[in-house]
C-alpha cells in the first residue's frame, strides 16, 4: 500500500473539496486451467482484503482494473471464456455492492458484461456503484484494440454509451477503459462533460505499451484539467492452449507481462510514484478537486480552444469526398 496527496491553493469563496481515491492492481489467483467458478471466486477472495483495506483507510472512490474478475483471456480467441460474462447486477457487482455500502465508498468495477435485454450481447463494461450500494450507471469501452495479441473484437465490439460522467457524492467521475487512453478525443469528451476524475482501468503488457504508460494519462490530466487514475493488472497469465496473433510470431501461451505500475496524475502535471511492476497493490491518494478549476482558470484551455474549427474539420473528414488541407510548394513541380 502507498499513500499520497495533491493539494490546491486555499480559496476565500470555496471550501477545499478533498476526496480520497484508491486504485487496486492485482494478479489472478489460480492457474487459468482451473475451473472457471473457482478462478472467479478465488480472485474475489484475493481482492476482498484489499478492498477492506481501502475501506479501513476511508477511501471515498475506489477503482479496480479492467475485467478484474477473470483472467484477461481475450488473446486466445477461445469462446469458452465468455462464461465469465455476467449481467450488470450479477454476482460480482452484488459482492461489491455490499462492500460499497459497508464502507460508504463509490466503487468502479470493470466487468465482462452480458446484456440480457439485447440478445445476451457481451460488452467490456465499467459499473459504477454508489456509496449506498446502488448502481449509478455503466459505461462500455469505446475503443477496441486490434493490435498484437489483443483480439478483443472476437468477444465484444465498441461500446454504445458515449462519454458519461457520473455525479457521485464525492465528485464527478468518468471511466476511459484501457485502449481509449490512446485516443485524445476520448479523453477530451469526458472533460467536456465535466469530469473531475477519469479512471483508466487497463490490462496492458510491457512489450507493447510500457514506454507510453506514464505519458498518456499525464498528458490527458494536463490538457483536460482533471485527475486521472491509471490502473493496470500485474503478472503473467499462462493459458492452456497456445495461440497466435496477426504479427507473424510463433504461437505462445501468454500475453506477456502485465506490468502494473498504477498511478495518479494531476492537472498541474504532478503525479504519484507508481505501484510495483510485479506485486499486487493498493494506491491511496487525497486530492483537492478545487485544483481542477484553478488550473482551468490559469491556462484557459477551454476558453482558447477552437471547437468550432475542430468540429468543421471533423465533419468534413467524415465525408467520402474529404480532401486534406495540404498546400503544395509550387517548386516541387507536382501536377494538380
Protein backbone atom coordinates (compact mmCIF):
# COMPACT_ATOMS: atom_id res chain seq x y z
CA UNK A 1 0.00 0.00 0.00
CA UNK A 2 1.21 3.50 -0.89
CA UNK A 3 -0.39 6.83 0.03
CA UNK A 4 -0.01 10.34 -1.43
CA UNK A 5 -1.82 13.69 -1.64
CA UNK A 6 -2.46 16.52 -4.11
CA UNK A 7 -3.16 19.97 -2.70
CA UNK A 8 -4.81 23.07 -4.17
CA UNK A 9 -4.42 26.74 -3.34
CA UNK A 10 -6.60 27.97 -0.49
CA UNK A 11 -9.62 29.95 -1.70
CA UNK A 12 -11.78 32.55 0.01
CA UNK A 13 -15.12 31.64 -1.55
CA UNK A 14 -14.84 27.83 -1.75
CA UNK A 15 -14.03 25.27 0.87
CA UNK A 16 -11.48 22.55 -0.04
CA UNK A 17 -13.03 19.55 -1.80
CA UNK A 18 -10.68 16.81 -0.66
CA UNK A 19 -11.53 13.32 -1.93
CA UNK A 20 -9.64 10.14 -1.10
CA UNK A 21 -9.19 7.88 -4.13
CA UNK A 22 -7.95 4.29 -4.22
CA UNK A 23 -6.62 2.13 -7.09
CA UNK A 24 -6.19 -1.65 -6.85
CA UNK A 25 -3.95 -3.72 -9.11
CA UNK A 26 -3.78 -7.49 -8.75
CA UNK A 27 -2.72 -10.72 -10.38
CA UNK A 28 -5.04 -13.68 -10.86
CA UNK A 29 -5.34 -16.18 -8.01
CA UNK A 30 -5.40 -19.62 -9.68
CA UNK A 31 -3.97 -21.12 -12.88
CA UNK A 32 -6.11 -20.45 -15.95
CA UNK A 33 -6.64 -24.21 -16.24
CA UNK A 34 -8.70 -24.29 -13.02
CA UNK A 35 -12.49 -24.42 -13.09
CA UNK A 36 -13.88 -21.04 -14.08
CA UNK A 37 -16.03 -20.72 -10.97
CA UNK A 38 -13.03 -21.50 -8.77
CA UNK A 39 -10.92 -18.90 -10.62
CA UNK A 40 -13.55 -16.21 -10.22
CA UNK A 41 -14.25 -16.89 -6.56
CA UNK A 42 -10.51 -17.05 -5.80
CA UNK A 43 -9.94 -13.63 -7.38
CA UNK A 44 -12.83 -12.18 -5.40
CA UNK A 45 -11.47 -13.55 -2.14
CA UNK A 46 -7.99 -12.30 -3.02
CA UNK A 47 -9.22 -8.79 -3.73
CA UNK A 48 -11.62 -8.61 -0.78
CA UNK A 49 -8.94 -7.78 1.85
CA UNK A 50 -7.55 -5.12 -0.48
CA UNK A 51 -10.99 -3.53 -0.72
CA UNK A 52 -11.35 -3.88 3.05
CA UNK A 53 -8.01 -2.11 3.45
CA UNK A 54 -9.23 0.71 1.22
CA UNK A 55 -12.37 0.94 3.32
CA UNK A 56 -10.35 1.00 6.54
CA UNK A 57 -8.27 3.82 5.01
CA UNK A 58 -11.53 5.72 4.39
CA UNK A 59 -11.21 5.75 0.63
CA UNK A 60 -14.14 7.59 -0.97
CA UNK A 61 -13.82 6.32 -4.56
CA UNK A 62 -12.14 3.02 -5.46
CA UNK A 63 -11.38 1.72 -8.95
CA UNK A 64 -10.44 -1.85 -9.90
CA UNK A 65 -8.58 -2.98 -13.03
CA UNK A 66 -10.12 -3.92 -16.37
CA UNK A 67 -12.09 -7.20 -16.27
CA UNK A 68 -10.74 -7.76 -12.76
CA UNK A 69 -12.95 -10.78 -12.05
CA UNK A 70 -11.27 -13.04 -14.64
CA UNK A 71 -8.02 -13.75 -16.50
CA UNK A 72 -7.53 -11.41 -19.46
CA UNK A 73 -8.20 -14.23 -21.90
CA UNK A 74 -9.08 -12.10 -24.92
CA UNK A 75 -5.81 -13.03 -26.61
CA UNK A 76 -6.89 -16.64 -27.06
CA UNK A 77 -9.95 -16.16 -29.29
CA UNK A 78 -11.49 -19.13 -27.47
CA UNK A 79 -15.20 -18.53 -26.91
CA UNK A 80 -15.35 -20.57 -23.72
CA UNK A 81 -14.06 -17.54 -21.77
CA UNK A 82 -17.44 -15.91 -22.44
CA UNK A 83 -18.65 -17.90 -19.45
CA UNK A 84 -17.18 -15.17 -17.25
CA UNK A 85 -19.64 -12.61 -18.67
CA UNK A 86 -22.43 -11.67 -16.30
CA UNK A 87 -25.29 -9.16 -16.04
CA UNK A 88 -24.68 -5.73 -14.54
CA UNK A 89 -26.45 -6.87 -11.38
CA UNK A 90 -24.69 -10.25 -11.29
CA UNK A 91 -22.56 -11.95 -8.66
CA UNK A 92 -19.52 -9.68 -8.98
CA UNK A 93 -21.48 -6.46 -8.58
CA UNK A 94 -23.54 -7.87 -5.71
CA UNK A 95 -20.27 -8.76 -3.97
CA UNK A 96 -19.06 -5.16 -4.35
CA UNK A 97 -22.38 -3.52 -3.50
CA UNK A 98 -22.15 -4.94 -0.01
CA UNK A 99 -18.64 -3.55 0.45
CA UNK A 100 -19.53 -0.17 -1.05
CA UNK A 101 -22.38 0.23 1.41
CA UNK A 102 -20.32 -1.04 4.33
CA UNK A 103 -17.56 1.50 3.77
CA UNK A 104 -19.59 4.40 2.33
CA UNK A 105 -17.42 4.07 -0.80
CA UNK A 106 -18.07 4.52 -4.51
CA UNK A 107 -16.60 1.55 -6.42
CA UNK A 108 -15.82 1.44 -10.14
CA UNK A 109 -15.96 -2.20 -11.22
CA UNK A 110 -14.92 -3.13 -14.79
CA UNK A 111 -16.50 -6.45 -15.78
CA UNK A 112 -17.27 -8.59 -18.81
CA UNK A 113 -20.97 -7.76 -19.19
CA UNK A 114 -23.69 -9.97 -20.67
CA UNK A 115 -26.60 -7.77 -21.79
CA UNK A 116 -29.63 -9.99 -21.19
CA UNK A 117 -32.03 -7.45 -22.69
CA UNK A 118 -30.28 -7.37 -26.07
CA UNK A 119 -29.69 -10.93 -27.19
CA UNK A 120 -27.09 -11.63 -24.48
CA UNK A 121 -24.61 -9.37 -26.26
CA UNK A 122 -21.24 -9.14 -24.50
CA UNK A 123 -19.58 -5.82 -23.62
CA UNK A 124 -16.47 -4.63 -21.83
CA UNK A 125 -18.18 -2.54 -19.17
CA UNK A 126 -17.45 -0.46 -16.10
CA UNK A 127 -20.20 -0.47 -13.47
CA UNK A 128 -20.31 2.50 -11.10
CA UNK A 129 -21.59 1.51 -7.67
CA UNK A 130 -22.70 4.30 -5.36
CA UNK A 131 -21.66 4.66 -1.74
CA UNK A 132 -25.10 3.38 -0.66
CA UNK A 133 -24.59 0.16 -2.61
CA UNK A 134 -26.78 1.31 -5.50
CA UNK A 135 -25.84 1.05 -9.18
CA UNK A 136 -25.41 4.59 -10.51
CA UNK A 137 -24.80 3.56 -14.12
CA UNK A 138 -22.50 1.89 -16.63
CA UNK A 139 -20.01 2.80 -19.32
CA UNK A 140 -18.97 0.48 -22.14
CA UNK A 141 -15.49 0.55 -23.66
CA UNK A 142 -15.38 2.95 -26.61
CA UNK A 143 -12.25 1.78 -28.44
CA UNK A 144 -11.43 -1.89 -29.10
CA UNK A 145 -7.80 -2.77 -29.95
CA UNK A 146 -6.77 -4.85 -32.90
CA UNK A 147 -3.04 -4.94 -32.33
CA UNK A 148 -0.68 -7.78 -31.45
CA UNK A 149 -2.34 -10.33 -29.20
CA UNK A 150 -5.26 -8.05 -28.38
CA UNK A 151 -8.03 -9.81 -30.29
CA UNK A 152 -10.83 -8.35 -28.19
CA UNK A 153 -13.31 -7.87 -31.03
CA UNK A 154 -13.69 -11.66 -31.01
CA UNK A 155 -15.69 -11.14 -27.81
CA UNK A 156 -17.17 -7.62 -27.85
CA UNK A 157 -17.36 -4.56 -30.06
CA UNK A 158 -17.18 -0.81 -29.49
CA UNK A 159 -19.46 0.48 -26.73
CA UNK A 160 -22.67 2.47 -27.18
CA UNK A 161 -22.79 4.59 -24.03
CA UNK A 162 -20.93 7.68 -25.23
CA UNK A 163 -18.81 9.53 -22.65
CA UNK A 164 -20.94 9.61 -19.49
CA UNK A 165 -19.79 11.43 -16.38
CA UNK A 166 -21.25 10.15 -13.11
CA UNK A 167 -22.01 12.68 -10.41
CA UNK A 168 -21.33 10.93 -7.12
CA UNK A 169 -21.37 12.12 -3.52
CA UNK A 170 -17.63 12.72 -3.78
CA UNK A 171 -17.21 14.21 -7.24
CA UNK A 172 -17.84 13.80 -10.97
CA UNK A 173 -16.09 10.79 -12.46
CA UNK A 174 -15.62 9.21 -15.88
CA UNK A 175 -14.13 5.89 -16.99
CA UNK A 176 -11.87 5.70 -20.05
CA UNK A 177 -11.38 1.95 -20.37
CA UNK A 178 -7.91 0.72 -21.43
CA UNK A 179 -7.28 1.30 -25.16
CA UNK A 180 -9.29 4.52 -25.05
CA UNK A 181 -6.26 6.19 -23.49
CA UNK A 182 -4.59 6.21 -26.92
CA UNK A 183 -7.34 8.46 -28.30
CA UNK A 184 -7.04 12.13 -27.25
CA UNK A 185 -10.61 12.95 -28.29
CA UNK A 186 -11.88 10.23 -25.98
CA UNK A 187 -10.17 11.96 -23.05
CA UNK A 188 -11.49 15.32 -24.27
CA UNK A 189 -15.11 14.14 -24.36
CA UNK A 190 -15.09 13.18 -20.67
CA UNK A 191 -13.67 16.62 -19.89
CA UNK A 192 -16.33 18.39 -21.95
CA UNK A 193 -18.95 16.51 -19.93
CA UNK A 194 -17.49 17.87 -16.71
CA UNK A 195 -15.36 15.06 -15.28
CA UNK A 196 -13.13 15.89 -12.32
CA UNK A 197 -11.56 12.43 -12.13
CA UNK A 198 -11.24 9.98 -15.04
CA UNK A 199 -10.21 6.41 -14.31
CA UNK A 200 -8.33 4.33 -16.89
CA UNK A 201 -8.72 0.66 -15.85
CA UNK A 202 -6.42 -1.32 -18.12
CA UNK A 203 -4.79 -4.63 -19.00
CA UNK A 204 -1.63 -3.94 -20.95
CA UNK A 205 1.75 -5.61 -21.33
CA UNK A 206 5.31 -4.33 -21.24
CA UNK A 207 6.47 -5.08 -24.75
CA UNK A 208 3.54 -3.25 -26.29
CA UNK A 209 2.82 -0.13 -24.26
CA UNK A 210 5.05 0.41 -21.25
CA UNK A 211 7.01 3.37 -22.70
CA UNK A 212 3.68 5.15 -23.30
CA UNK A 213 2.11 4.32 -19.94
CA UNK A 214 3.49 7.19 -17.82
CA UNK A 215 2.95 9.74 -20.59
CA UNK A 216 -0.59 9.42 -21.96
CA UNK A 217 -2.55 9.77 -18.73
CA UNK A 218 -0.41 12.64 -17.56
CA UNK A 219 -0.95 14.47 -20.84
CA UNK A 220 -4.70 13.88 -20.54
CA UNK A 221 -4.78 15.25 -16.99
CA UNK A 222 -2.94 18.39 -18.07
CA UNK A 223 -4.89 19.13 -21.25
CA UNK A 224 -8.31 18.42 -19.70
CA UNK A 225 -7.75 19.89 -16.22
CA UNK A 226 -8.82 16.78 -14.30
CA UNK A 227 -7.23 13.97 -12.30
CA UNK A 228 -6.50 10.62 -13.95
CA UNK A 229 -6.27 7.28 -12.14
CA UNK A 230 -4.36 4.69 -14.21
CA UNK A 231 -4.81 1.06 -13.18
CA UNK A 232 -3.09 -1.94 -14.77
CA UNK A 233 -3.18 -5.59 -13.77
CA UNK A 234 0.02 -7.36 -12.78
CA UNK A 235 1.64 -10.73 -13.52
CA UNK A 236 1.92 -13.14 -16.43
CA UNK A 237 -1.17 -15.21 -17.25
CA UNK A 238 -0.39 -18.52 -18.97
CA UNK A 239 -3.24 -20.19 -20.88
CA UNK A 240 -3.75 -23.93 -21.52
CA UNK A 241 -3.69 -23.66 -25.33
CA UNK A 242 -1.03 -21.69 -27.23
CA UNK A 243 -2.34 -19.05 -29.62
CA UNK A 244 -1.07 -16.90 -32.47
CA UNK A 245 -1.62 -13.30 -33.50
CA UNK A 246 -1.54 -11.34 -36.72
CA UNK A 247 2.08 -10.30 -36.28
CA UNK A 248 3.74 -13.46 -37.60
CA UNK A 249 5.22 -14.51 -34.25
CA UNK A 250 5.30 -18.20 -33.26
CA UNK A 251 2.43 -19.49 -31.15
CA UNK A 252 2.76 -18.75 -27.44
CA UNK A 253 0.74 -19.40 -24.26
CA UNK A 254 0.72 -15.94 -22.68
CA UNK A 255 0.16 -12.26 -23.45
CA UNK A 256 3.40 -11.18 -21.85
CA UNK A 257 3.90 -9.45 -18.53
CA UNK A 258 1.18 -7.17 -17.20
CA UNK A 259 3.38 -4.54 -15.61
CA UNK A 260 1.08 -2.98 -13.02
CA UNK A 261 2.61 0.47 -12.33
CA UNK A 262 -0.72 2.02 -11.36
CA UNK A 263 -0.56 5.72 -10.54
CA UNK A 264 -2.49 9.00 -10.37
CA UNK A 265 -1.84 12.10 -12.49
CA UNK A 266 -2.97 15.62 -11.61
CA UNK A 267 -3.96 18.58 -13.80
CA UNK A 268 -0.92 20.57 -12.62
CA UNK A 269 1.41 17.96 -14.25
CA UNK A 270 2.35 16.30 -10.96
CA UNK A 271 1.84 12.58 -10.41
CA UNK A 272 2.32 9.91 -7.78
CA UNK A 273 5.04 7.29 -7.98
CA UNK A 274 3.77 4.05 -9.49
CA UNK A 275 2.91 0.84 -7.73
CA UNK A 276 5.08 -2.24 -8.36
CA UNK A 277 5.59 -3.89 -11.74
CA UNK A 278 5.34 -7.31 -10.11
CA UNK A 279 3.19 -7.20 -6.97
CA UNK A 280 -0.43 -6.60 -6.05
CA UNK A 281 -1.01 -3.18 -4.59
CA UNK A 282 -3.37 -0.52 -3.28
CA UNK A 283 -2.62 3.13 -4.01
CA UNK A 284 -4.43 5.74 -1.93
CA UNK A 285 -4.31 9.46 -2.63
CA UNK A 286 -6.08 12.52 -1.29
CA UNK A 287 -6.86 15.12 -3.95
CA UNK A 288 -8.43 18.54 -3.66
CA UNK A 289 -10.81 18.79 -6.61
CA UNK A 290 -10.59 22.58 -6.42
CA UNK A 291 -7.34 22.13 -8.31
CA UNK A 292 -9.32 21.32 -11.47
CA UNK A 293 -10.95 24.75 -11.68
CA UNK A 294 -7.79 26.50 -10.55
CA UNK A 295 -5.89 25.01 -13.49
CA UNK A 296 -8.74 25.87 -15.88
CA UNK A 297 -8.53 29.46 -14.72
CA UNK A 298 -4.74 29.50 -15.03
CA UNK A 299 -4.38 28.06 -18.54
CA UNK A 300 -7.76 28.81 -20.12
CA UNK A 301 -7.66 25.72 -22.32
CA UNK A 302 -11.45 25.61 -22.67
CA UNK A 303 -11.64 29.33 -23.45
CA UNK A 304 -8.87 29.29 -26.04
CA UNK A 305 -9.83 26.00 -27.74
CA UNK A 306 -11.27 26.31 -31.26
CA UNK A 307 -14.06 23.75 -31.07
CA UNK A 308 -15.90 25.36 -33.98
CA UNK A 309 -12.84 24.91 -36.18
CA UNK A 310 -12.25 21.34 -35.00
CA UNK A 311 -15.89 20.33 -35.49
CA UNK A 312 -15.87 21.73 -39.03
CA UNK A 313 -12.77 19.71 -39.93
CA UNK A 314 -14.14 16.54 -38.34
CA UNK A 315 -17.48 16.86 -40.12
CA UNK A 316 -15.64 17.26 -43.44
CA UNK A 317 -13.29 14.35 -42.65
CA UNK A 318 -16.25 12.02 -42.18
CA UNK A 319 -17.47 12.62 -45.73
CA UNK A 320 -16.29 10.24 -48.51
CA UNK A 321 -15.09 13.12 -50.65
CA UNK A 322 -12.86 14.65 -47.98
CA UNK A 323 -9.71 16.32 -49.28
CA UNK A 324 -6.90 17.15 -46.80
CA UNK A 325 -5.95 20.81 -46.50
CA UNK A 326 -2.44 20.50 -47.94
CA UNK A 327 -0.73 23.43 -49.62
CA UNK A 328 1.87 22.16 -52.07
CA UNK A 329 5.09 24.09 -52.64
CA UNK A 330 4.96 25.09 -56.35
CA UNK A 331 8.70 24.43 -56.55
CA UNK A 332 8.01 20.72 -56.08
CA UNK A 333 6.68 20.64 -59.64
CA UNK A 334 3.69 18.43 -58.81
CA UNK A 335 0.76 18.35 -61.19
CA UNK A 336 -2.50 19.49 -59.71
